[in-house]
């Protein structure tokens, strides 16, 4: 024998589930495009001689790709999905990261 009562929960008393937006895919694409753009900057400055430089240093720049993707995801989610602002911040952060690595390897 049970010592409890049945309670009926109506649909009106249950709060609607909050719709969660994921920022991972646009942020990841943004981070990857920023990585590609930063990879192309040395070619604008140094021309085709950059290929000889990348011949021995490509693992360093390849290692920055997942970091750039994570930076894109993080900045896009921290800025609440504002595409223009997160695009500018991601490009600036990844370009700064590439510039520091490039200058460190050049010295």
N, C-alpha and C. Protein backbone atom coordinates (compact mmCIF):
# COMPACT_ATOMS: atom_id res chain seq x y z
N UNK A 1 0.83 -1.16 0.00
CA UNK A 1 0.00 0.00 0.00
C UNK A 1 0.88 1.24 0.00
N UNK A 2 0.51 2.17 -0.81
CA UNK A 2 1.30 3.37 -1.01
C UNK A 2 0.78 4.49 -0.12
N UNK A 3 1.71 5.28 0.43
CA UNK A 3 1.33 6.36 1.32
C UNK A 3 1.64 7.71 0.66
N UNK A 4 1.13 7.92 -0.56
CA UNK A 4 1.36 9.19 -1.25
C UNK A 4 0.18 9.49 -2.15
N UNK A 5 0.16 10.70 -2.66
CA UNK A 5 -0.92 11.09 -3.57
C UNK A 5 -0.33 11.39 -4.94
N UNK A 6 -1.14 11.19 -5.95
CA UNK A 6 -0.71 11.49 -7.30
C UNK A 6 -0.90 12.96 -7.58
N UNK A 7 0.11 13.56 -8.19
CA UNK A 7 0.01 14.98 -8.55
C UNK A 7 0.03 15.08 -10.07
N UNK A 8 -0.86 15.82 -10.63
CA UNK A 8 -0.92 16.03 -12.07
C UNK A 8 -0.27 17.36 -12.37
N UNK A 9 0.74 17.32 -13.23
CA UNK A 9 1.45 18.54 -13.61
C UNK A 9 0.92 18.97 -14.96
N UNK A 10 0.42 20.17 -15.03
CA UNK A 10 -0.10 20.66 -16.31
C UNK A 10 1.03 21.23 -17.15
N UNK A 11 0.79 21.35 -18.41
CA UNK A 11 1.80 21.88 -19.33
C UNK A 11 2.07 23.36 -19.07
N UNK A 12 1.10 24.07 -18.53
CA UNK A 12 1.28 25.51 -18.30
C UNK A 12 2.25 25.78 -17.16
N UNK A 13 2.36 24.89 -16.20
CA UNK A 13 3.22 25.15 -15.07
C UNK A 13 4.69 24.82 -15.35
N UNK A 14 4.97 24.10 -16.43
CA UNK A 14 6.34 23.75 -16.77
C UNK A 14 6.92 24.85 -17.65
N UNK A 15 8.04 25.45 -17.23
CA UNK A 15 8.62 26.51 -18.07
C UNK A 15 9.15 25.92 -19.37
N UNK A 16 9.03 26.68 -20.45
CA UNK A 16 9.53 26.17 -21.72
C UNK A 16 11.05 26.03 -21.68
N UNK A 17 11.57 25.04 -22.35
CA UNK A 17 13.02 24.82 -22.37
C UNK A 17 13.70 25.96 -23.11
N UNK A 18 14.74 26.46 -22.51
CA UNK A 18 15.47 27.56 -23.14
C UNK A 18 16.18 27.03 -24.39
N UNK A 19 16.02 27.74 -25.46
CA UNK A 19 16.64 27.32 -26.71
C UNK A 19 18.09 27.75 -26.70
N UNK A 20 18.97 26.78 -26.72
CA UNK A 20 20.40 27.06 -26.67
C UNK A 20 20.94 27.20 -28.08
N UNK A 21 21.69 28.24 -28.28
CA UNK A 21 22.32 28.46 -29.58
C UNK A 21 23.77 28.02 -29.48
N UNK A 22 24.21 27.28 -30.45
CA UNK A 22 25.62 26.87 -30.45
C UNK A 22 26.41 27.82 -31.33
N UNK A 23 27.56 28.22 -30.83
CA UNK A 23 28.41 29.15 -31.56
C UNK A 23 29.63 28.43 -32.12
N UNK A 24 29.67 27.12 -32.02
CA UNK A 24 30.88 26.42 -32.38
C UNK A 24 31.15 26.43 -33.87
N UNK A 25 30.15 26.16 -34.69
CA UNK A 25 30.41 26.06 -36.12
C UNK A 25 30.79 27.40 -36.75
N UNK A 26 30.04 28.49 -36.55
CA UNK A 26 30.49 29.77 -37.14
C UNK A 26 31.82 30.24 -36.57
N UNK A 27 32.05 30.01 -35.29
CA UNK A 27 33.33 30.40 -34.69
C UNK A 27 34.49 29.59 -35.24
N UNK A 28 34.26 28.30 -35.48
CA UNK A 28 35.31 27.46 -36.03
C UNK A 28 35.64 27.85 -37.46
N UNK A 29 34.63 28.13 -38.25
CA UNK A 29 34.86 28.58 -39.63
C UNK A 29 35.59 29.92 -39.62
N UNK A 30 35.19 30.79 -38.73
CA UNK A 30 35.84 32.10 -38.63
C UNK A 30 37.30 31.97 -38.21
N UNK A 31 37.59 31.08 -37.26
CA UNK A 31 38.97 30.85 -36.83
C UNK A 31 39.81 30.26 -37.94
N UNK A 32 39.25 29.32 -38.70
CA UNK A 32 39.99 28.71 -39.80
C UNK A 32 40.26 29.72 -40.91
N UNK A 33 39.29 30.54 -41.24
CA UNK A 33 39.50 31.57 -42.27
C UNK A 33 40.52 32.61 -41.82
N UNK A 34 40.52 32.93 -40.53
CA UNK A 34 41.52 33.86 -40.01
C UNK A 34 42.91 33.24 -40.08
N UNK A 35 43.00 31.93 -39.85
CA UNK A 35 44.29 31.22 -39.97
C UNK A 35 44.79 31.25 -41.41
N UNK A 36 43.89 31.00 -42.36
CA UNK A 36 44.28 31.05 -43.77
C UNK A 36 44.72 32.45 -44.18
N UNK A 37 44.01 33.44 -43.69
CA UNK A 37 44.36 34.83 -44.01
C UNK A 37 45.71 35.19 -43.41
N UNK A 38 45.95 34.78 -42.18
CA UNK A 38 47.24 35.05 -41.54
C UNK A 38 48.37 34.28 -42.21
N UNK A 39 48.07 33.12 -42.75
CA UNK A 39 49.07 32.34 -43.46
C UNK A 39 49.46 33.02 -44.77
N UNK A 40 48.55 33.78 -45.35
CA UNK A 40 48.83 34.46 -46.61
C UNK A 40 49.55 35.79 -46.46
N UNK A 41 49.54 36.39 -45.28
CA UNK A 41 50.19 37.69 -45.09
C UNK A 41 51.69 37.68 -45.40
N UNK A 42 52.46 36.68 -44.97
CA UNK A 42 53.89 36.70 -45.31
C UNK A 42 54.15 36.66 -46.81
N UNK A 43 53.26 36.05 -47.58
CA UNK A 43 53.43 36.03 -49.04
C UNK A 43 53.28 37.42 -49.63
N UNK A 44 52.45 38.25 -49.01
CA UNK A 44 52.31 39.63 -49.50
C UNK A 44 53.56 40.46 -49.23
N UNK A 45 54.20 40.21 -48.11
CA UNK A 45 55.37 40.99 -47.73
C UNK A 45 56.66 40.49 -48.36
N UNK A 46 56.85 39.17 -48.37
CA UNK A 46 58.12 38.60 -48.80
C UNK A 46 58.07 37.88 -50.13
N UNK A 47 56.92 37.72 -50.70
CA UNK A 47 56.79 37.09 -52.01
C UNK A 47 56.99 35.58 -51.95
N UNK A 48 57.49 35.05 -53.05
CA UNK A 48 57.62 33.59 -53.16
C UNK A 48 58.75 33.03 -52.30
N UNK A 49 59.64 33.88 -51.78
CA UNK A 49 60.68 33.38 -50.88
C UNK A 49 60.12 32.84 -49.57
N UNK A 50 58.90 33.17 -49.29
CA UNK A 50 58.25 32.67 -48.08
C UNK A 50 58.12 31.15 -48.12
N UNK A 51 58.00 30.59 -49.31
CA UNK A 51 57.90 29.13 -49.42
C UNK A 51 59.13 28.44 -48.87
N UNK A 52 60.31 29.01 -49.10
CA UNK A 52 61.53 28.42 -48.56
C UNK A 52 61.57 28.52 -47.03
N UNK A 53 61.04 29.61 -46.51
CA UNK A 53 60.95 29.76 -45.05
C UNK A 53 59.98 28.76 -44.46
N UNK A 54 58.83 28.56 -45.13
CA UNK A 54 57.82 27.62 -44.65
C UNK A 54 58.25 26.17 -44.83
N UNK A 55 59.25 25.93 -45.65
CA UNK A 55 59.70 24.56 -45.89
C UNK A 55 60.17 23.89 -44.61
N UNK A 56 60.82 24.64 -43.74
CA UNK A 56 61.33 24.08 -42.49
C UNK A 56 60.50 24.46 -41.27
N UNK A 57 59.65 25.44 -41.39
CA UNK A 57 58.91 25.91 -40.21
C UNK A 57 57.42 25.60 -40.28
N UNK A 58 56.98 24.82 -41.27
CA UNK A 58 55.55 24.57 -41.42
C UNK A 58 54.92 23.89 -40.20
N UNK A 59 55.62 23.05 -39.43
CA UNK A 59 54.92 22.46 -38.27
C UNK A 59 54.49 23.49 -37.23
N UNK A 60 55.27 24.55 -37.10
CA UNK A 60 54.90 25.60 -36.14
C UNK A 60 53.61 26.28 -36.56
N UNK A 61 53.51 26.60 -37.85
CA UNK A 61 52.32 27.31 -38.33
C UNK A 61 51.12 26.38 -38.43
N UNK A 62 51.37 25.10 -38.71
CA UNK A 62 50.28 24.13 -38.72
C UNK A 62 49.74 23.92 -37.31
N UNK A 63 50.60 23.99 -36.31
CA UNK A 63 50.17 23.83 -34.93
C UNK A 63 49.29 24.99 -34.47
N UNK A 64 49.37 26.11 -35.15
CA UNK A 64 48.53 27.25 -34.78
C UNK A 64 47.11 27.13 -35.32
N UNK A 65 46.87 26.19 -36.24
CA UNK A 65 45.53 26.07 -36.80
C UNK A 65 44.48 25.67 -35.75
N UNK A 66 44.68 24.62 -34.96
CA UNK A 66 43.64 24.33 -33.95
C UNK A 66 43.52 25.43 -32.90
N UNK A 67 44.62 26.11 -32.62
CA UNK A 67 44.56 27.23 -31.68
C UNK A 67 43.71 28.35 -32.25
N UNK A 68 43.87 28.62 -33.55
CA UNK A 68 43.07 29.66 -34.20
C UNK A 68 41.59 29.27 -34.23
N UNK A 69 41.29 28.00 -34.43
CA UNK A 69 39.90 27.55 -34.43
C UNK A 69 39.28 27.71 -33.04
N UNK A 70 40.03 27.35 -32.01
CA UNK A 70 39.53 27.50 -30.64
C UNK A 70 39.37 28.98 -30.29
N UNK A 71 40.29 29.81 -30.74
CA UNK A 71 40.14 31.26 -30.51
C UNK A 71 38.90 31.78 -31.20
N UNK A 72 38.64 31.33 -32.42
CA UNK A 72 37.43 31.75 -33.13
C UNK A 72 36.17 31.33 -32.40
N UNK A 73 36.14 30.11 -31.90
CA UNK A 73 34.97 29.63 -31.16
C UNK A 73 34.80 30.43 -29.87
N UNK A 74 35.89 30.63 -29.15
CA UNK A 74 35.81 31.33 -27.87
C UNK A 74 35.37 32.78 -28.03
N UNK A 75 35.98 33.48 -28.99
CA UNK A 75 35.61 34.88 -29.17
C UNK A 75 34.19 35.03 -29.70
N UNK A 76 33.78 34.12 -30.57
CA UNK A 76 32.42 34.20 -31.11
C UNK A 76 31.38 33.94 -30.03
N UNK A 77 31.70 33.04 -29.10
CA UNK A 77 30.74 32.78 -28.03
C UNK A 77 30.79 33.87 -26.96
N UNK A 78 31.97 34.40 -26.68
CA UNK A 78 32.07 35.47 -25.67
C UNK A 78 31.42 36.77 -26.13
N UNK A 79 31.41 36.99 -27.44
CA UNK A 79 30.80 38.20 -27.97
C UNK A 79 29.36 37.98 -28.39
N UNK A 80 28.75 36.91 -27.89
CA UNK A 80 27.33 36.59 -28.10
C UNK A 80 26.93 36.49 -29.56
N UNK A 81 27.82 35.98 -30.37
CA UNK A 81 27.49 35.72 -31.76
C UNK A 81 27.44 36.94 -32.67
N UNK A 82 27.94 38.07 -32.21
CA UNK A 82 27.99 39.25 -33.08
C UNK A 82 29.09 39.02 -34.10
N UNK A 83 28.68 38.79 -35.34
CA UNK A 83 29.59 38.30 -36.37
C UNK A 83 30.66 39.32 -36.75
N UNK A 84 30.30 40.55 -36.92
CA UNK A 84 31.26 41.57 -37.37
C UNK A 84 32.34 41.79 -36.31
N UNK A 85 31.92 41.94 -35.06
CA UNK A 85 32.88 42.20 -33.98
C UNK A 85 33.76 40.98 -33.74
N UNK A 86 33.16 39.80 -33.73
CA UNK A 86 33.95 38.59 -33.50
C UNK A 86 34.88 38.31 -34.68
N UNK A 87 34.47 38.68 -35.88
CA UNK A 87 35.34 38.52 -37.05
C UNK A 87 36.58 39.41 -36.93
N UNK A 88 36.38 40.65 -36.58
CA UNK A 88 37.52 41.56 -36.44
C UNK A 88 38.44 41.14 -35.30
N UNK A 89 37.86 40.74 -34.18
CA UNK A 89 38.68 40.33 -33.03
C UNK A 89 39.44 39.03 -33.31
N UNK A 90 38.80 38.10 -33.99
CA UNK A 90 39.47 36.83 -34.30
C UNK A 90 40.61 37.04 -35.28
N UNK A 91 40.37 37.84 -36.32
CA UNK A 91 41.43 38.11 -37.30
C UNK A 91 42.59 38.83 -36.64
N UNK A 92 42.29 39.79 -35.77
CA UNK A 92 43.37 40.52 -35.10
C UNK A 92 44.16 39.61 -34.16
N UNK A 93 43.47 38.75 -33.42
CA UNK A 93 44.16 37.87 -32.48
C UNK A 93 45.01 36.83 -33.19
N UNK A 94 44.47 36.23 -34.24
CA UNK A 94 45.23 35.21 -34.97
C UNK A 94 46.39 35.85 -35.73
N UNK A 95 46.18 37.03 -36.30
CA UNK A 95 47.28 37.72 -36.98
C UNK A 95 48.39 38.09 -36.01
N UNK A 96 48.03 38.53 -34.82
CA UNK A 96 49.03 38.83 -33.80
C UNK A 96 49.79 37.58 -33.38
N UNK A 97 49.09 36.48 -33.25
CA UNK A 97 49.71 35.21 -32.89
C UNK A 97 50.68 34.76 -33.99
N UNK A 98 50.27 34.87 -35.24
CA UNK A 98 51.14 34.54 -36.36
C UNK A 98 52.34 35.47 -36.42
N UNK A 99 52.11 36.75 -36.21
CA UNK A 99 53.20 37.72 -36.26
C UNK A 99 54.25 37.47 -35.21
N UNK A 100 53.81 37.13 -34.01
CA UNK A 100 54.77 36.83 -32.94
C UNK A 100 55.58 35.60 -33.28
N UNK A 101 54.92 34.56 -33.78
CA UNK A 101 55.65 33.34 -34.15
C UNK A 101 56.59 33.59 -35.33
N UNK A 102 56.13 34.34 -36.31
CA UNK A 102 56.95 34.62 -37.49
C UNK A 102 58.17 35.44 -37.11
N UNK A 103 58.00 36.44 -36.28
CA UNK A 103 59.13 37.26 -35.86
C UNK A 103 60.09 36.48 -34.96
N UNK A 104 59.55 35.58 -34.14
CA UNK A 104 60.40 34.76 -33.29
C UNK A 104 61.25 33.81 -34.13
N UNK A 105 60.66 33.24 -35.17
CA UNK A 105 61.40 32.33 -36.02
C UNK A 105 62.41 33.07 -36.92
N UNK A 106 62.11 34.30 -37.25
CA UNK A 106 63.01 35.07 -38.12
C UNK A 106 64.24 35.56 -37.36
N UNK A 107 64.12 35.73 -36.06
CA UNK A 107 65.25 36.29 -35.29
C UNK A 107 66.23 35.26 -34.84
